[in-house]
Protein backbone atom coordinates (compact mmCIF):
# COMPACT_ATOMS: atom_id res chain seq x y z
CA MET A 1 124.63 77.28 111.53
CA PRO A 2 123.82 77.39 115.29
CA GLN A 3 122.96 73.99 116.77
CA ASP A 4 119.63 75.29 118.10
CA ALA A 5 118.59 76.85 114.77
CA LEU A 6 115.09 76.01 113.56
CA ALA A 7 113.76 76.03 110.03
CA GLY A 8 110.71 78.19 109.47
CA PHE A 9 108.62 80.31 107.17
CA ALA A 10 107.42 83.89 107.63
CA VAL A 11 104.12 84.61 105.88
CA CYS A 12 103.40 87.98 104.25
CA PRO A 13 100.93 89.51 101.78
CA SER A 14 101.62 88.58 98.17
CA GLY A 15 103.98 91.00 96.46
CA LEU A 16 105.90 91.89 99.62
CA GLU A 17 108.25 88.91 99.67
CA ASP A 18 111.36 90.90 98.67
CA ALA A 19 110.72 93.49 101.37
CA LEU A 20 110.25 90.69 103.91
CA VAL A 21 113.50 88.99 102.90
CA GLN A 22 115.33 92.29 103.37
CA GLU A 23 113.77 92.82 106.80
CA LEU A 24 114.47 89.33 108.12
CA THR A 25 118.01 89.28 106.76
CA ALA A 26 118.74 92.39 108.82
CA MET A 27 117.37 90.85 112.04
CA PRO A 28 119.75 89.24 114.58
CA GLY A 29 119.98 85.46 114.31
CA PHE A 30 118.27 85.01 110.95
CA ILE A 31 120.31 83.14 108.36
CA SER A 32 119.58 81.54 104.99
CA VAL A 33 116.59 83.78 104.37
CA THR A 34 115.15 82.94 100.96
CA LYS A 35 112.16 84.27 99.06
CA GLY A 36 109.17 81.97 98.79
CA ARG A 37 105.61 82.17 97.58
CA GLY A 38 103.73 84.43 99.99
CA GLY A 39 106.64 84.77 102.39
CA ALA A 40 110.22 83.80 103.13
CA ALA A 41 111.91 80.65 104.41
CA PHE A 42 114.61 80.99 107.06
CA THR A 43 116.65 79.32 109.75
CA ALA A 44 117.06 81.00 113.14
CA PRO A 45 117.41 80.14 116.83
CA ALA A 46 114.23 80.05 118.90
CA GLN A 47 115.07 83.28 120.72
CA ALA A 48 115.52 85.12 117.40
CA ILE A 49 112.19 83.79 116.11
CA ALA A 50 110.44 84.92 119.27
CA ARG A 51 112.10 88.34 119.07
CA ALA A 52 110.96 88.71 115.46
CA ASN A 53 107.35 88.39 116.63
CA LEU A 54 107.91 91.60 118.59
CA TRP A 55 110.08 93.50 116.12
CA ALA A 56 109.31 92.42 112.55
CA ARG A 57 106.95 94.80 110.74
CA ILE A 58 106.07 92.91 107.57
CA PRO A 59 105.18 89.27 108.46
CA THR A 60 101.59 88.23 109.02
CA ARG A 61 102.75 85.28 111.10
CA ILE A 62 105.96 83.37 111.77
CA LEU A 63 105.94 79.57 111.50
CA VAL A 64 108.46 76.91 112.54
CA THR A 65 108.78 73.68 110.59
CA ALA A 66 107.54 70.59 112.43
CA GLY A 67 108.18 68.11 109.62
CA GLN A 68 107.75 67.35 105.96
CA GLY A 69 107.65 64.55 103.43
CA ARG A 70 106.58 63.43 99.98
CA PHE A 71 103.34 61.57 99.38
CA ARG A 72 102.14 59.36 96.53
CA ASN A 73 98.62 58.80 97.85
CA PRO A 74 96.35 60.33 100.52
CA GLU A 75 97.30 57.73 103.14
CA ASP A 76 100.90 58.95 102.95
CA ILE A 77 99.70 62.34 104.22
CA ARG A 78 98.45 60.76 107.43
CA GLN A 79 101.69 58.81 107.79
CA ILE A 80 103.81 61.94 107.43
CA ALA A 81 101.82 63.62 110.22
CA THR A 82 102.03 60.49 112.41
CA LYS A 83 105.84 60.39 112.31
CA ILE A 84 106.31 63.91 113.71
CA LEU A 85 107.05 64.14 117.45
CA TRP A 86 104.14 66.46 118.21
CA GLU A 87 104.29 65.64 121.93
CA GLN A 88 107.56 67.55 122.08
CA TRP A 89 105.75 70.72 120.99
CA PHE A 90 102.44 70.62 122.91
CA THR A 91 100.32 68.38 125.13
CA PHE A 92 97.12 66.44 124.48
CA ARG A 93 95.35 68.77 126.90
CA GLN A 94 95.76 71.67 124.49
CA THR A 95 93.27 72.38 121.73
CA LEU A 96 94.28 72.27 118.09
CA ARG A 97 93.38 73.80 114.75
CA ILE A 98 94.74 72.79 111.35
CA ASP A 99 94.80 75.08 108.30
CA LEU A 100 95.81 73.99 104.82
CA ALA A 101 97.17 75.92 101.84
CA VAL A 102 97.98 74.45 98.45
CA GLY A 103 100.49 75.76 95.94
CA ARG A 104 100.81 73.51 92.92
CA GLU A 105 98.19 70.76 92.86
CA PRO A 106 99.50 67.29 93.78
CA LYS A 107 99.77 64.63 91.08
CA LEU A 108 97.47 61.83 92.26
CA GLU A 109 95.06 59.38 90.68
CA LYS A 110 92.14 61.46 91.96
CA PRO A 111 91.94 65.17 92.91
CA LEU A 112 92.73 65.76 96.58
CA ALA A 113 89.91 67.53 98.43
CA ARG A 114 91.17 70.17 100.88
CA ASN A 115 88.95 69.11 103.76
CA PHE A 116 89.97 65.46 103.28
CA ALA A 117 93.68 66.37 103.39
CA THR A 118 93.09 68.39 106.56
CA LEU A 119 91.27 65.45 108.13
CA LEU A 120 94.16 63.11 107.29
CA ILE A 121 96.63 65.47 108.99
CA LYS A 122 94.39 65.71 112.06
CA ASP A 123 94.12 61.91 112.22
CA GLY A 124 97.89 61.59 111.95
CA ILE A 125 98.49 64.02 114.81
CA CYS A 126 95.90 62.28 116.98
CA ASP A 127 97.38 58.85 116.16
CA ARG A 128 100.77 60.09 117.26
CA PHE A 129 99.41 61.30 120.61
CA ARG A 130 97.50 58.08 121.24
CA THR A 131 100.70 56.12 120.66
CA ALA A 132 102.93 58.41 122.72
CA ARG A 133 100.56 59.56 125.50
CA GLY A 134 97.46 57.40 125.32
CA GLU A 135 95.18 60.39 124.70
CA ARG A 136 94.59 62.84 121.88
CA PRO A 137 94.11 66.62 121.74
CA SER A 138 90.72 68.17 121.00
CA ILE A 139 89.94 70.33 117.97
CA ASP A 140 88.92 73.96 118.46
CA THR A 141 88.60 75.96 115.25
CA THR A 142 87.72 79.24 117.00
CA HIS A 143 90.19 79.73 119.86
CA PRO A 144 92.81 76.97 119.60
CA ASP A 145 95.85 76.77 121.86
CA ILE A 146 97.97 75.41 119.02
CA ARG A 147 97.65 76.14 115.32
CA VAL A 148 99.20 73.83 112.74
CA TRP A 149 99.63 75.09 109.18
CA ALA A 150 99.97 72.60 106.36
CA PHE A 151 101.33 73.48 102.94
CA ILE A 152 101.11 71.19 99.94
CA ASP A 153 103.17 71.92 96.85
CA GLN A 154 102.66 69.18 94.27
CA ASN A 155 103.48 66.04 96.24
CA GLU A 156 105.45 67.71 99.02
CA LEU A 157 103.76 68.26 102.39
CA THR A 158 105.26 70.61 104.99
CA LEU A 159 103.73 70.98 108.44
CA TYR A 160 104.37 74.10 110.52
CA LEU A 161 103.58 75.32 114.01
CA ASP A 162 102.39 78.90 114.31
CA THR A 163 104.52 80.88 116.79
CA SER A 164 102.47 84.07 116.46
CA GLY A 165 98.83 83.21 117.18
CA GLU A 166 96.85 86.31 116.36
CA PRO A 167 98.13 87.76 113.05
CA LEU A 168 101.05 90.10 113.62
CA PHE A 169 99.35 92.95 111.75
CA LYS A 170 96.99 93.21 114.72
CA ARG A 171 99.28 95.58 116.62
CA GLY A 172 96.67 96.38 119.26
CA TRP A 173 96.44 100.15 118.76
CA ARG A 174 93.79 100.38 116.05
CA GLN A 175 90.47 100.47 117.91
CA ALA A 176 88.65 102.13 115.03
CA LYS A 177 89.22 102.14 111.29
CA GLY A 178 87.93 103.64 108.07
CA GLU A 179 85.92 102.21 105.22
CA ALA A 180 88.82 100.42 103.51
CA PRO A 181 91.76 100.30 105.94
CA LEU A 182 95.19 98.97 105.11
CA ARG A 183 96.45 96.20 107.32
CA GLU A 184 99.30 97.44 109.43
CA ASN A 185 101.94 95.10 108.00
CA LEU A 186 100.97 96.06 104.45
CA ALA A 187 101.29 99.73 105.37
CA ALA A 188 104.70 99.06 106.95
CA ALA A 189 105.89 97.23 103.84
CA LEU A 190 104.67 100.02 101.54
CA ILE A 191 106.67 102.54 103.56
CA ALA A 192 109.73 100.28 103.44
CA LEU A 193 109.43 99.98 99.66
CA THR A 194 109.68 103.77 99.28
CA GLU A 195 113.15 103.66 100.90
CA TRP A 196 112.15 106.72 102.94
CA ASP A 197 115.02 107.96 105.11
CA GLY A 198 112.86 108.43 108.22
CA LYS A 199 113.85 112.08 108.45
CA SER A 200 112.33 113.98 105.53
CA ALA A 201 108.76 115.30 105.61
CA LEU A 202 105.96 112.81 105.04
CA MET A 203 102.36 113.48 104.02
CA ASP A 204 99.24 111.41 103.40
CA PRO A 205 96.36 113.36 101.81
CA PHE A 206 93.94 110.41 102.18
CA CYS A 207 95.00 109.40 105.67
CA GLY A 208 91.77 107.73 106.83
CA SER A 209 92.52 106.04 110.16
CA GLY A 210 96.19 107.06 109.91
CA THR A 211 97.75 103.65 109.32
CA LEU A 212 100.44 104.69 106.82
CA LEU A 213 101.62 107.62 108.93
CA ILE A 214 101.59 105.69 112.20
CA GLU A 215 103.56 102.80 110.72
CA ALA A 216 105.99 105.29 109.16
CA MET A 217 106.54 107.05 112.49
CA GLN A 218 107.12 103.72 114.25
CA GLN A 219 109.62 102.76 111.56
CA ALA A 220 111.43 106.11 111.71
CA LEU A 221 111.80 105.90 115.50
CA ARG A 222 112.58 102.15 115.45
CA LEU A 223 109.75 101.28 117.80
CA PRO A 224 108.84 97.59 118.24
CA PRO A 225 105.55 97.06 116.37
CA GLY A 226 104.64 93.92 118.31
CA TYR A 227 104.77 95.43 121.78
CA LEU A 228 102.25 97.91 123.18
CA PRO A 229 103.16 98.78 126.79
CA GLN A 230 99.58 99.42 127.92
CA SER A 231 98.30 96.11 126.52
CA PRO A 232 101.11 93.64 125.68
CA ARG A 233 99.86 90.73 123.58
CA GLU A 234 100.54 87.05 123.95
CA PHE A 235 102.12 84.89 121.27
CA ALA A 236 101.21 81.30 120.50
CA ALA A 237 104.74 80.03 121.12
CA GLU A 238 104.45 81.05 124.76
CA HIS A 239 102.10 78.10 125.16
CA PHE A 240 104.37 75.55 123.54
CA HIS A 241 105.59 72.67 125.69
CA ALA A 242 108.36 73.71 128.10
CA GLN A 243 110.57 71.00 126.59
CA SER A 244 109.91 72.13 123.01
CA PRO A 245 112.64 73.79 120.93
CA MET A 246 111.04 77.16 121.79
CA GLY A 247 110.23 76.29 125.39
CA GLN A 248 113.33 77.99 126.79
CA VAL A 249 112.66 81.39 125.23
CA ASN A 250 112.83 84.20 127.79
CA TRP A 251 109.73 86.17 126.78
CA ARG A 252 110.01 88.40 129.84
CA ALA A 253 113.46 89.54 128.73
CA LEU A 254 112.23 90.16 125.19
CA ARG A 255 109.38 92.34 126.44
CA ALA A 256 111.76 94.16 128.77
CA GLU A 257 114.03 94.87 125.79
CA ALA A 258 111.08 96.24 123.82
CA LYS A 259 109.95 98.41 126.73
CA GLU A 260 113.47 99.74 127.24
CA ALA A 261 113.59 100.74 123.57
CA ILE A 262 110.29 102.61 123.87
CA ASP A 263 111.41 104.31 127.10
CA ARG A 264 114.71 105.33 125.50
CA ILE A 265 112.93 106.83 122.49
CA THR A 266 110.40 108.59 124.73
CA LYS A 267 113.24 110.11 126.73
CA GLY A 268 115.06 111.18 123.56
CA LEU A 269 111.93 112.90 122.24
CA ALA A 270 111.54 114.74 125.55
CA GLN A 271 115.18 115.87 125.41
CA HIS A 272 114.63 117.33 121.96
CA ALA A 273 111.45 119.09 123.09
CA ALA A 274 113.36 120.66 125.98
CA SER A 275 116.46 121.50 123.94
CA ALA A 276 116.28 121.50 120.14
CA GLY A 277 120.00 120.73 119.83
CA SER A 278 119.80 117.27 121.42
CA GLY A 279 117.64 114.21 121.72
CA ILE A 280 115.55 112.48 119.06
CA VAL A 281 113.89 114.55 116.34
CA PRO A 282 110.62 113.13 115.04
CA PRO A 283 110.04 113.59 111.31
CA ALA A 284 107.50 116.20 110.22
CA MET A 285 104.25 114.51 109.20
CA GLN A 286 100.80 115.58 108.14
CA GLY A 287 97.70 113.53 107.51
CA SER A 288 94.68 115.06 105.86
CA ASP A 289 91.23 113.76 105.06
CA ILE A 290 87.94 115.21 103.91
CA ASP A 291 86.14 113.59 106.87
CA PRO A 292 86.91 115.22 110.26
CA ARG A 293 85.55 112.15 112.05
CA MET A 294 88.27 110.00 110.48
CA LEU A 295 90.89 112.47 111.65
CA GLN A 296 89.66 111.98 115.22
CA VAL A 297 89.99 108.22 114.72
CA ALA A 298 93.51 108.64 113.29
CA GLN A 299 94.58 110.88 116.15
CA GLY A 300 93.29 108.37 118.71
CA ASN A 301 95.12 105.53 116.95
CA ALA A 302 98.36 107.55 116.93
CA GLN A 303 98.03 108.30 120.64
CA ARG A 304 97.72 104.59 121.42
CA ALA A 305 100.48 103.50 119.04
CA LEU A 306 103.16 106.10 119.70
CA PRO A 307 104.90 107.92 122.55
CA PRO A 308 103.00 111.16 123.26
CA LEU A 309 105.55 113.50 121.66
CA ALA A 310 105.72 111.31 118.54
CA ALA A 311 101.93 111.26 118.23
CA ALA A 312 101.87 115.04 118.70
CA ALA A 313 104.38 115.45 115.85
CA ILE A 314 101.75 114.33 113.34
CA GLN A 315 99.46 117.14 112.17
CA TRP A 316 95.88 116.21 111.29
CA VAL A 317 94.13 118.54 108.86
CA THR A 318 90.63 118.47 107.39
CA SER A 319 91.15 119.09 103.69
CA THR A 320 90.35 117.90 100.19
CA VAL A 321 93.33 116.66 98.24
CA ASP A 322 93.31 119.61 95.82
CA GLN A 323 93.57 122.00 98.79
CA THR A 324 96.48 120.14 100.38
CA LYS A 325 99.71 122.12 100.49
CA PRO A 326 103.19 120.69 101.09
CA ILE A 327 104.65 121.10 104.58
CA ALA A 328 108.22 121.31 103.27
CA ALA A 329 110.08 122.10 100.06
CA SER A 330 110.56 118.38 99.44
CA GLY A 331 109.51 115.12 101.00
CA LEU A 332 107.52 111.95 100.54
CA LEU A 333 103.79 111.77 99.82
CA VAL A 334 102.11 108.39 100.34
CA ALA A 335 98.48 107.69 99.61
CA ASN A 336 95.87 104.96 99.58
CA PRO A 337 93.13 106.94 97.78
CA PRO A 338 89.60 105.66 97.18
CA TYR A 339 89.38 103.05 94.46
CA GLY A 340 87.29 100.10 93.32
CA LYS A 341 83.81 100.06 94.82
CA ARG A 342 84.39 103.35 96.62
CA LEU A 343 84.22 105.16 93.25
CA GLU A 344 80.91 103.95 91.87
CA GLN A 345 79.57 106.81 89.74
CA PRO A 346 80.28 106.69 85.98
CA GLY A 347 83.32 108.79 85.15
CA GLU A 348 84.08 109.48 88.81
CA ALA A 349 87.31 107.49 88.82
CA ALA A 350 88.64 109.16 85.65
CA ASP A 351 87.84 112.65 86.98
CA PHE A 352 89.44 111.79 90.30
CA GLU A 353 92.64 110.49 88.69
CA ARG A 354 93.04 113.57 86.49
CA SER A 355 92.43 115.86 89.46
CA LEU A 356 94.96 113.98 91.60
CA GLY A 357 97.59 114.20 88.87
CA GLU A 358 97.02 117.93 88.42
CA THR A 359 97.26 118.52 92.18
CA LEU A 360 100.57 116.68 92.40
CA LYS A 361 102.01 118.61 89.45
CA LYS A 362 100.76 121.95 90.75
CA ASN A 363 101.50 121.70 94.46
CA PHE A 364 104.17 119.04 95.00
CA ALA A 365 107.10 119.85 92.72
CA GLY A 366 110.26 118.45 94.30
CA TRP A 367 108.37 115.70 96.13
CA GLN A 368 108.21 111.98 95.54
CA ALA A 369 104.71 110.49 95.58
CA TRP A 370 103.77 106.84 96.06
CA ILE A 371 100.16 105.87 95.38
CA LEU A 372 98.38 102.55 95.89
CA SER A 373 95.65 101.70 93.40
CA ASP A 374 93.77 98.76 91.96
CA ASN A 375 93.75 100.62 88.63
CA LEU A 376 96.80 99.17 86.93
CA LYS A 377 96.72 102.11 84.49
CA LEU A 378 96.49 104.81 87.15
CA ASP A 379 99.54 106.61 85.81
CA SER A 380 97.87 107.03 82.44
CA GLY A 381 94.72 108.34 84.09
CA MET A 382 96.81 110.83 86.09
CA ARG A 383 98.72 111.79 82.93
CA LEU A 384 101.98 111.10 84.72
CA LYS A 385 104.67 108.49 84.18
CA ALA A 386 105.30 106.13 87.08
CA GLY A 387 108.99 105.67 87.85
CA ARG A 388 108.27 102.33 89.52
CA ARG A 389 105.28 99.98 89.73
CA VAL A 390 105.33 97.33 92.49
CA PRO A 391 102.63 94.62 92.28
CA VAL A 392 101.03 94.09 95.72
CA PHE A 393 97.77 92.68 97.02
CA ASN A 394 95.52 94.65 99.37
CA GLY A 395 93.61 91.69 100.73
CA ASP A 396 92.44 89.90 97.60
CA ILE A 397 92.63 93.04 95.45
CA GLU A 398 95.54 93.19 93.00
CA CYS A 399 97.08 96.66 93.17
CA ARG A 400 100.14 98.63 92.12
CA TRP A 401 102.27 100.73 94.44
CA MET A 402 103.40 103.44 92.03
CA ARG A 403 106.17 105.99 92.39
CA PHE A 404 105.97 109.45 90.82
CA ASP A 405 108.95 111.83 90.92
CA MET A 406 107.33 115.23 90.79
CA VAL A 407 108.85 118.16 88.88
CA ALA A 408 107.57 121.63 88.08
CA GLY A 409 105.05 121.54 85.21
CA SER A 410 104.02 118.48 83.25
CA ASN A 411 106.41 115.74 82.14
CA ARG A 412 105.98 116.93 78.53
CA GLU A 413 107.03 120.46 79.48
CA ARG A 414 110.00 119.09 81.38
CA ASP A 415 111.06 116.99 78.41
CA LYS A 416 110.91 120.10 76.17
CA GLU A 417 113.14 122.00 78.61
CA LEU A 418 115.69 119.19 78.61
CA SER A 419 115.80 118.86 74.80
């Protein structure tokens, strides 16, 4: 293990932990990546953690461990916070916010109120600064300089510092969105779970603001999701103390690396456009939606998120799903169709599911389809058998990401042919 390695935890939406572990394990510098509840624990040098903020697609935020300890009573919580050398991470002139999450409830004489536990942690941090520097930081719950995350699991308290700041799913390119948009990191994880090769055709017949297609194109071209040349974002760790474990990170070099990658891909796309036998070939993609206004939103999002020739490679078509035709003999269809409160009329959901299943059987033989739904029995409603069902959460909505391997005719007819 490198001497400068830090322990940390990358947070992700529930259900995506395995995909996150796979992504972080493949990133330079990350070692000992292990699945946790709502994320993955890791060790990595500061530079690798900073780089992951620019390049990782699935985390919501990346935390570094400040300290931890076991408590038998509430006062122990304050003592654990007091013993951490917070002054090595930030100064008393910086504002602070503390957020608390609880896994398994602690075993205490009396139930531990969340706001009381948060107050104890705040008091411990302030006590430490008064002892070390004679002054204490101020609290700002809206726009803090430093964000501390506390996690309690039974009687174990772990305190983290947030290196990301704004959630990493806020890529900066989505200026408008549809009625029920997917967060960008959820969309990226859904694409990763399909094991798409980044080359075959890709379609989304309910594209909305285009999030699934845009994230897929970025993934296929290996673009850094956390760097937008026209409006590069800041990360919280850039404001850590210069003498902190992350204080020596060369953020300028990391952004230069990201920009060079984008420039190289842009040049490769231009080479292919000029001469089909060379350069980088963008995958064929089509997004369709019944609402032409949403297609304008999607196109604008793609133009901000992608190099011009990559954005232009995505076709946007006004169409109902039953009118959608495949753009290739085989490929991947991904969809986040309307569900839940967006289908309010009696019988509307059942009719929709049957129609969707019939369309896939009729028009998309030879394709693989992945559909996100809060209806855990969607496959039955579509009269198709899901080859895989991945539990995921879209916000606080429990869903399934279901795979359907499409063949000519119904599954029953196929089974008869094989018998």
